[in-house]
Amino acid sequence: MERAADPRMHLADFLRHEVGLTGTHVGCEHGVCGSCTVIVDGRPVRSCLMLAVQVDGAAVETVEGLTGASGSLSRLQRAFSEHHALQCGFCTPGMLMTLEALLRTVLNPTETDVRDAISGNICRCTGYQGIVEAALTAAKDRQGEPA
């Protein structure tokens, strides 16, 4: 998709207001909470700190892209549900995108890998254990997937 963006517009605002992808949440607007995390060219980034024009020509993935073509939840999303890693849900899109990026690059992450990956994502509801368990379950499930 190609769209023109105001040179001063942050990527988070562009995604939400110009493209209509409202799954990306904006919490602190300072890059601290991680709620606005999206994947740009395979790496998790804070979309509240990045200008929309900076992703010109880049592959941008939002939480909406995690679902299958039929609308089915991804393994990671299902694991979040199974492990009660969802509470108020505000941090969930950023957590999912951060962990999706991790699971694409680390085949068999440890609990420490997962905790390090989400160390920049704040959740005030879950205590993180369910999130960590969900990521480890999704990683284990993915090991059985065909390449």
N, C-alpha and C. Protein backbone atom coordinates (compact mmCIF):
# COMPACT_ATOMS: atom_id res chain seq x y z
N MET A 1 0.85 -1.17 0.00
CA MET A 1 0.00 0.00 0.00
C MET A 1 0.90 1.24 0.00
N GLU A 2 0.50 2.20 -0.77
CA GLU A 2 1.27 3.43 -0.82
C GLU A 2 0.33 4.60 -0.57
N ARG A 3 0.73 5.45 0.36
CA ARG A 3 -0.06 6.64 0.70
C ARG A 3 0.89 7.78 1.02
N ALA A 4 0.43 8.98 0.76
CA ALA A 4 1.21 10.17 1.12
C ALA A 4 0.99 10.48 2.59
N ALA A 5 2.06 10.92 3.24
CA ALA A 5 1.97 11.25 4.66
C ALA A 5 2.55 12.63 4.91
N ASP A 6 1.95 13.33 5.84
CA ASP A 6 2.50 14.60 6.30
C ASP A 6 3.91 14.32 6.83
N PRO A 7 4.90 15.09 6.44
CA PRO A 7 6.27 14.81 6.86
C PRO A 7 6.48 14.79 8.38
N ARG A 8 5.58 15.42 9.13
CA ARG A 8 5.73 15.48 10.59
C ARG A 8 4.86 14.46 11.32
N MET A 9 4.12 13.64 10.59
CA MET A 9 3.20 12.70 11.23
C MET A 9 3.94 11.44 11.69
N HIS A 10 3.69 11.07 12.93
CA HIS A 10 4.28 9.83 13.45
C HIS A 10 3.61 8.63 12.80
N LEU A 11 4.37 7.55 12.71
CA LEU A 11 3.86 6.33 12.08
C LEU A 11 2.61 5.82 12.79
N ALA A 12 2.59 5.87 14.12
CA ALA A 12 1.41 5.40 14.87
C ALA A 12 0.16 6.17 14.45
N ASP A 13 0.27 7.48 14.37
CA ASP A 13 -0.88 8.30 13.98
C ASP A 13 -1.28 8.04 12.53
N PHE A 14 -0.30 7.86 11.67
CA PHE A 14 -0.57 7.57 10.27
C PHE A 14 -1.34 6.25 10.14
N LEU A 15 -0.86 5.22 10.84
CA LEU A 15 -1.52 3.92 10.77
C LEU A 15 -2.95 4.00 11.28
N ARG A 16 -3.14 4.68 12.38
CA ARG A 16 -4.46 4.75 13.01
C ARG A 16 -5.43 5.66 12.24
N HIS A 17 -4.97 6.86 11.91
CA HIS A 17 -5.89 7.88 11.38
C HIS A 17 -5.95 7.95 9.85
N GLU A 18 -4.87 7.62 9.19
CA GLU A 18 -4.86 7.70 7.73
C GLU A 18 -5.15 6.35 7.07
N VAL A 19 -4.68 5.27 7.69
CA VAL A 19 -4.86 3.94 7.10
C VAL A 19 -6.03 3.20 7.74
N GLY A 20 -6.39 3.58 8.96
CA GLY A 20 -7.52 2.93 9.64
C GLY A 20 -7.14 1.66 10.37
N LEU A 21 -5.86 1.44 10.61
CA LEU A 21 -5.39 0.27 11.36
C LEU A 21 -5.28 0.67 12.83
N THR A 22 -6.36 0.51 13.55
CA THR A 22 -6.42 1.01 14.93
C THR A 22 -5.93 0.01 15.97
N GLY A 23 -5.44 -1.15 15.54
CA GLY A 23 -4.91 -2.12 16.49
C GLY A 23 -3.65 -1.63 17.17
N THR A 24 -2.90 -0.78 16.50
CA THR A 24 -1.70 -0.20 17.10
C THR A 24 -2.14 0.86 18.10
N HIS A 25 -1.82 0.64 19.36
CA HIS A 25 -2.24 1.56 20.41
C HIS A 25 -1.16 2.59 20.70
N VAL A 26 -1.59 3.76 21.12
CA VAL A 26 -0.66 4.82 21.50
C VAL A 26 -0.86 5.07 22.98
N GLY A 27 0.18 4.81 23.75
CA GLY A 27 0.10 4.96 25.20
C GLY A 27 0.81 6.21 25.67
N CYS A 28 2.12 6.15 25.70
CA CYS A 28 2.90 7.22 26.31
C CYS A 28 3.33 8.30 25.32
N GLU A 29 3.40 7.98 24.05
CA GLU A 29 3.88 8.87 22.99
C GLU A 29 5.33 9.29 23.18
N HIS A 30 6.08 8.51 23.97
CA HIS A 30 7.50 8.80 24.21
C HIS A 30 8.37 7.58 24.00
N GLY A 31 7.82 6.47 23.50
CA GLY A 31 8.59 5.27 23.25
C GLY A 31 8.91 4.45 24.48
N VAL A 32 8.22 4.71 25.57
CA VAL A 32 8.53 4.04 26.84
C VAL A 32 7.67 2.80 27.06
N CYS A 33 6.40 2.84 26.69
CA CYS A 33 5.47 1.77 27.09
C CYS A 33 5.44 0.58 26.14
N GLY A 34 5.77 0.78 24.87
CA GLY A 34 5.78 -0.32 23.91
C GLY A 34 4.44 -0.67 23.30
N SER A 35 3.38 0.01 23.69
CA SER A 35 2.04 -0.31 23.17
C SER A 35 1.93 -0.08 21.67
N CYS A 36 2.74 0.79 21.14
CA CYS A 36 2.66 1.15 19.73
C CYS A 36 3.62 0.34 18.85
N THR A 37 4.19 -0.72 19.38
CA THR A 37 5.18 -1.50 18.63
C THR A 37 4.58 -2.12 17.37
N VAL A 38 5.28 -1.92 16.26
CA VAL A 38 4.97 -2.56 14.99
C VAL A 38 6.28 -3.18 14.48
N ILE A 39 6.19 -3.97 13.44
CA ILE A 39 7.40 -4.57 12.86
C ILE A 39 7.70 -3.85 11.55
N VAL A 40 8.91 -3.31 11.44
CA VAL A 40 9.35 -2.63 10.22
C VAL A 40 10.58 -3.38 9.71
N ASP A 41 10.46 -3.91 8.52
CA ASP A 41 11.54 -4.70 7.92
C ASP A 41 12.07 -5.76 8.88
N GLY A 42 11.15 -6.43 9.57
CA GLY A 42 11.51 -7.54 10.43
C GLY A 42 11.91 -7.19 11.85
N ARG A 43 11.96 -5.90 12.16
CA ARG A 43 12.40 -5.48 13.50
C ARG A 43 11.29 -4.74 14.22
N PRO A 44 11.13 -5.02 15.52
CA PRO A 44 10.11 -4.28 16.27
C PRO A 44 10.56 -2.84 16.51
N VAL A 45 9.66 -1.90 16.25
CA VAL A 45 9.97 -0.48 16.45
C VAL A 45 8.80 0.20 17.15
N ARG A 46 9.09 1.29 17.81
CA ARG A 46 8.07 2.11 18.46
C ARG A 46 7.52 3.08 17.42
N SER A 47 6.29 2.86 17.02
CA SER A 47 5.73 3.69 15.95
C SER A 47 5.41 5.11 16.40
N CYS A 48 5.41 5.36 17.71
CA CYS A 48 5.19 6.73 18.19
C CYS A 48 6.46 7.57 18.08
N LEU A 49 7.60 6.93 17.86
CA LEU A 49 8.87 7.65 17.75
C LEU A 49 9.33 7.78 16.30
N MET A 50 8.69 7.07 15.40
CA MET A 50 9.11 7.04 14.01
C MET A 50 8.15 7.86 13.17
N LEU A 51 8.69 8.63 12.27
CA LEU A 51 7.85 9.37 11.35
C LEU A 51 7.37 8.43 10.25
N ALA A 52 6.17 8.67 9.78
CA ALA A 52 5.60 7.82 8.73
C ALA A 52 6.48 7.82 7.48
N VAL A 53 7.06 8.97 7.15
CA VAL A 53 7.89 9.05 5.94
C VAL A 53 9.15 8.19 6.06
N GLN A 54 9.54 7.82 7.26
CA GLN A 54 10.74 7.00 7.44
C GLN A 54 10.53 5.56 6.98
N VAL A 55 9.29 5.14 6.80
CA VAL A 55 9.05 3.76 6.37
C VAL A 55 8.79 3.67 4.87
N ASP A 56 9.06 4.74 4.15
CA ASP A 56 8.89 4.72 2.70
C ASP A 56 9.72 3.58 2.12
N GLY A 57 9.07 2.66 1.44
CA GLY A 57 9.75 1.52 0.84
C GLY A 57 9.99 0.35 1.78
N ALA A 58 9.61 0.48 3.03
CA ALA A 58 9.83 -0.58 4.03
C ALA A 58 8.59 -1.46 4.16
N ALA A 59 8.79 -2.65 4.67
CA ALA A 59 7.68 -3.56 4.98
C ALA A 59 7.23 -3.26 6.41
N VAL A 60 5.99 -2.81 6.56
CA VAL A 60 5.43 -2.48 7.87
C VAL A 60 4.34 -3.48 8.21
N GLU A 61 4.46 -4.09 9.38
CA GLU A 61 3.46 -5.07 9.83
C GLU A 61 2.84 -4.58 11.13
N THR A 62 1.52 -4.65 11.19
CA THR A 62 0.80 -4.29 12.40
C THR A 62 0.10 -5.52 12.95
N VAL A 63 -0.48 -5.39 14.10
CA VAL A 63 -1.15 -6.52 14.75
C VAL A 63 -2.26 -7.09 13.87
N GLU A 64 -2.87 -6.26 13.05
CA GLU A 64 -3.92 -6.75 12.15
C GLU A 64 -3.39 -7.83 11.21
N GLY A 65 -2.11 -7.77 10.89
CA GLY A 65 -1.51 -8.73 9.97
C GLY A 65 -1.19 -10.08 10.57
N LEU A 66 -1.37 -10.23 11.87
CA LEU A 66 -1.07 -11.52 12.50
C LEU A 66 -2.14 -12.57 12.22
N THR A 67 -3.35 -12.14 11.95
CA THR A 67 -4.42 -13.10 11.68
C THR A 67 -4.26 -13.69 10.29
N GLY A 68 -4.76 -14.90 10.13
CA GLY A 68 -4.71 -15.57 8.84
C GLY A 68 -5.67 -14.94 7.85
N ALA A 69 -5.57 -15.35 6.60
CA ALA A 69 -6.44 -14.81 5.54
C ALA A 69 -7.91 -15.03 5.87
N SER A 70 -8.22 -16.10 6.57
CA SER A 70 -9.61 -16.40 6.93
C SER A 70 -10.04 -15.67 8.20
N GLY A 71 -9.13 -14.90 8.78
CA GLY A 71 -9.45 -14.21 10.03
C GLY A 71 -9.12 -15.02 11.26
N SER A 72 -8.51 -16.19 11.06
CA SER A 72 -8.16 -17.03 12.21
C SER A 72 -6.97 -16.43 12.97
N LEU A 73 -6.95 -16.67 14.26
CA LEU A 73 -5.88 -16.15 15.10
C LEU A 73 -4.58 -16.89 14.83
N SER A 74 -3.48 -16.19 15.00
CA SER A 74 -2.16 -16.82 14.87
C SER A 74 -1.91 -17.70 16.09
N ARG A 75 -0.89 -18.54 16.00
CA ARG A 75 -0.54 -19.38 17.15
C ARG A 75 -0.24 -18.53 18.38
N LEU A 76 0.48 -17.43 18.18
CA LEU A 76 0.82 -16.56 19.30
C LEU A 76 -0.44 -15.95 19.91
N GLN A 77 -1.36 -15.49 19.09
CA GLN A 77 -2.60 -14.92 19.61
C GLN A 77 -3.41 -15.97 20.38
N ARG A 78 -3.49 -17.18 19.85
CA ARG A 78 -4.20 -18.25 20.56
C ARG A 78 -3.52 -18.56 21.89
N ALA A 79 -2.20 -18.58 21.89
CA ALA A 79 -1.46 -18.85 23.13
C ALA A 79 -1.72 -17.76 24.17
N PHE A 80 -1.85 -16.51 23.73
CA PHE A 80 -2.18 -15.43 24.66
C PHE A 80 -3.52 -15.72 25.33
N SER A 81 -4.48 -16.17 24.56
CA SER A 81 -5.79 -16.48 25.12
C SER A 81 -5.71 -17.67 26.07
N GLU A 82 -5.02 -18.72 25.66
CA GLU A 82 -4.91 -19.94 26.47
C GLU A 82 -4.22 -19.70 27.81
N HIS A 83 -3.25 -18.80 27.82
CA HIS A 83 -2.46 -18.54 29.04
C HIS A 83 -2.93 -17.30 29.79
N HIS A 84 -4.09 -16.80 29.43
CA HIS A 84 -4.67 -15.63 30.11
C HIS A 84 -3.69 -14.46 30.13
N ALA A 85 -3.03 -14.25 29.00
CA ALA A 85 -2.09 -13.15 28.87
C ALA A 85 -2.79 -11.86 28.46
N LEU A 86 -4.12 -11.90 28.46
CA LEU A 86 -4.92 -10.73 28.10
C LEU A 86 -5.66 -10.25 29.33
N GLN A 87 -5.56 -9.03 29.64
CA GLN A 87 -6.36 -8.46 30.73
C GLN A 87 -7.13 -7.30 30.13
N CYS A 88 -6.66 -6.09 30.34
CA CYS A 88 -7.37 -4.96 29.74
C CYS A 88 -7.15 -4.91 28.23
N GLY A 89 -6.03 -5.47 27.76
CA GLY A 89 -5.76 -5.56 26.34
C GLY A 89 -5.02 -4.39 25.74
N PHE A 90 -4.77 -3.34 26.50
CA PHE A 90 -4.14 -2.16 25.92
C PHE A 90 -2.73 -2.45 25.43
N CYS A 91 -1.96 -3.20 26.19
CA CYS A 91 -0.57 -3.49 25.81
C CYS A 91 -0.47 -4.63 24.81
N THR A 92 -1.54 -5.39 24.63
CA THR A 92 -1.48 -6.64 23.88
C THR A 92 -0.94 -6.48 22.45
N PRO A 93 -1.39 -5.51 21.65
CA PRO A 93 -0.84 -5.42 20.29
C PRO A 93 0.68 -5.23 20.28
N GLY A 94 1.18 -4.37 21.15
CA GLY A 94 2.63 -4.16 21.21
C GLY A 94 3.37 -5.39 21.68
N MET A 95 2.82 -6.08 22.66
CA MET A 95 3.42 -7.33 23.14
C MET A 95 3.45 -8.36 22.02
N LEU A 96 2.33 -8.51 21.32
CA LEU A 96 2.25 -9.48 20.24
C LEU A 96 3.28 -9.19 19.15
N MET A 97 3.43 -7.95 18.77
CA MET A 97 4.36 -7.61 17.70
C MET A 97 5.80 -7.79 18.15
N THR A 98 6.11 -7.43 19.38
CA THR A 98 7.46 -7.63 19.91
C THR A 98 7.79 -9.12 19.93
N LEU A 99 6.85 -9.92 20.41
CA LEU A 99 7.09 -11.36 20.51
C LEU A 99 7.07 -12.04 19.15
N GLU A 100 6.26 -11.56 18.23
CA GLU A 100 6.26 -12.11 16.87
C GLU A 100 7.64 -11.92 16.25
N ALA A 101 8.21 -10.74 16.42
CA ALA A 101 9.56 -10.48 15.88
C ALA A 101 10.58 -11.42 16.54
N LEU A 102 10.47 -11.62 17.83
CA LEU A 102 11.38 -12.53 18.53
C LEU A 102 11.25 -13.95 17.99
N LEU A 103 10.02 -14.43 17.89
CA LEU A 103 9.80 -15.82 17.48
C LEU A 103 10.20 -16.08 16.03
N ARG A 104 10.26 -15.05 15.23
CA ARG A 104 10.72 -15.22 13.85
C ARG A 104 12.24 -15.36 13.78
N THR A 105 12.93 -14.84 14.78
CA THR A 105 14.39 -14.85 14.74
C THR A 105 15.03 -15.85 15.71
N VAL A 106 14.32 -16.22 16.76
CA VAL A 106 14.84 -17.17 17.75
C VAL A 106 13.91 -18.37 17.76
N LEU A 107 14.37 -19.47 17.22
CA LEU A 107 13.54 -20.65 17.06
C LEU A 107 13.07 -21.23 18.38
N ASN A 108 13.96 -21.31 19.35
CA ASN A 108 13.65 -21.94 20.63
C ASN A 108 14.03 -20.99 21.77
N PRO A 109 13.26 -19.92 21.97
CA PRO A 109 13.64 -18.94 22.99
C PRO A 109 13.51 -19.50 24.40
N THR A 110 14.35 -19.00 25.27
CA THR A 110 14.26 -19.33 26.69
C THR A 110 13.36 -18.30 27.37
N GLU A 111 13.03 -18.56 28.61
CA GLU A 111 12.25 -17.58 29.36
C GLU A 111 13.00 -16.25 29.44
N THR A 112 14.31 -16.32 29.59
CA THR A 112 15.12 -15.10 29.64
C THR A 112 15.04 -14.35 28.32
N ASP A 113 15.10 -15.06 27.20
CA ASP A 113 14.97 -14.41 25.88
C ASP A 113 13.65 -13.65 25.78
N VAL A 114 12.58 -14.30 26.21
CA VAL A 114 11.25 -13.70 26.13
C VAL A 114 11.18 -12.48 27.04
N ARG A 115 11.64 -12.62 28.27
CA ARG A 115 11.60 -11.49 29.21
C ARG A 115 12.46 -10.33 28.72
N ASP A 116 13.62 -10.63 28.14
CA ASP A 116 14.46 -9.57 27.58
C ASP A 116 13.74 -8.86 26.43
N ALA A 117 13.09 -9.64 25.57
CA ALA A 117 12.40 -9.06 24.41
C ALA A 117 11.29 -8.10 24.84
N ILE A 118 10.54 -8.48 25.87
CA ILE A 118 9.41 -7.64 26.29
C ILE A 118 9.78 -6.65 27.39
N SER A 119 11.06 -6.53 27.69
CA SER A 119 11.47 -5.63 28.78
C SER A 119 11.10 -4.18 28.50
N GLY A 120 10.89 -3.83 27.25
CA GLY A 120 10.49 -2.47 26.90
C GLY A 120 8.99 -2.31 26.71
N ASN A 121 8.23 -3.34 27.03
CA ASN A 121 6.78 -3.29 26.91
C ASN A 121 6.17 -3.35 28.31
N ILE A 122 5.39 -2.35 28.63
CA ILE A 122 4.80 -2.27 29.96
C ILE A 122 3.39 -2.86 29.96
N CYS A 123 3.14 -3.74 30.94
CA CYS A 123 1.80 -4.27 31.18
C CYS A 123 1.49 -4.04 32.65
N ARG A 124 0.42 -3.35 32.91
CA ARG A 124 0.06 -3.05 34.29
C ARG A 124 -0.93 -4.06 34.87
N CYS A 125 -1.36 -5.04 34.07
CA CYS A 125 -2.43 -5.94 34.51
C CYS A 125 -2.00 -7.37 34.78
N THR A 126 -1.11 -7.93 33.96
CA THR A 126 -0.91 -9.38 33.98
C THR A 126 0.20 -9.88 34.87
N GLY A 127 1.18 -9.06 35.21
CA GLY A 127 2.33 -9.57 35.93
C GLY A 127 3.29 -10.32 35.03
N TYR A 128 3.07 -10.32 33.74
CA TYR A 128 3.95 -10.84 32.70
C TYR A 128 4.05 -12.36 32.60
N GLN A 129 3.77 -13.12 33.65
CA GLN A 129 3.98 -14.57 33.60
C GLN A 129 3.16 -15.24 32.49
N GLY A 130 1.89 -14.86 32.37
CA GLY A 130 1.06 -15.43 31.31
C GLY A 130 1.58 -15.07 29.93
N ILE A 131 2.11 -13.88 29.79
CA ILE A 131 2.67 -13.44 28.51
C ILE A 131 3.89 -14.28 28.16
N VAL A 132 4.76 -14.49 29.14
CA VAL A 132 5.97 -15.30 28.93
C VAL A 132 5.57 -16.73 28.57
N GLU A 133 4.64 -17.30 29.31
CA GLU A 133 4.19 -18.67 29.03
C GLU A 133 3.57 -18.78 27.64
N ALA A 134 2.81 -17.78 27.25
CA ALA A 134 2.20 -17.78 25.92
C ALA A 134 3.26 -17.78 24.83
N ALA A 135 4.28 -16.95 24.99
CA ALA A 135 5.35 -16.88 23.98
C ALA A 135 6.09 -18.21 23.89
N LEU A 136 6.38 -18.82 25.03
CA LEU A 136 7.09 -20.10 25.03
C LEU A 136 6.24 -21.20 24.39
N THR A 137 4.94 -21.18 24.66
CA THR A 137 4.03 -22.16 24.05
C THR A 137 3.97 -21.96 22.53
N ALA A 138 3.85 -20.72 22.09
CA ALA A 138 3.79 -20.44 20.65
C ALA A 138 5.08 -20.87 19.97
N ALA A 139 6.22 -20.64 20.62
CA ALA A 139 7.50 -21.06 20.05
C ALA A 139 7.56 -22.57 19.91
N LYS A 140 7.11 -23.26 20.92
CA LYS A 140 7.11 -24.73 20.89
C LYS A 140 6.18 -25.23 19.78
N ASP A 141 5.01 -24.62 19.65
CA ASP A 141 4.06 -24.99 18.60
C ASP A 141 4.64 -24.76 17.21
N ARG A 142 5.38 -23.67 17.04
CA ARG A 142 5.94 -23.33 15.73
C ARG A 142 7.03 -24.30 15.30
N GLN A 143 7.67 -24.94 16.24
CA GLN A 143 8.75 -25.87 15.88
C GLN A 143 8.23 -27.01 15.02
N GLY A 144 6.95 -27.32 15.15
CA GLY A 144 6.36 -28.39 14.35
C GLY A 144 5.84 -27.94 13.00
N GLU A 145 5.90 -26.64 12.72
CA GLU A 145 5.41 -26.10 11.44
C GLU A 145 6.34 -26.43 10.30
N PRO A 146 5.79 -26.72 9.12
CA PRO A 146 6.65 -26.87 7.94
C PRO A 146 7.23 -25.52 7.54
N ALA A 147 8.42 -25.53 7.00
CA ALA A 147 9.10 -24.27 6.63
C ALA A 147 8.45 -23.62 5.44
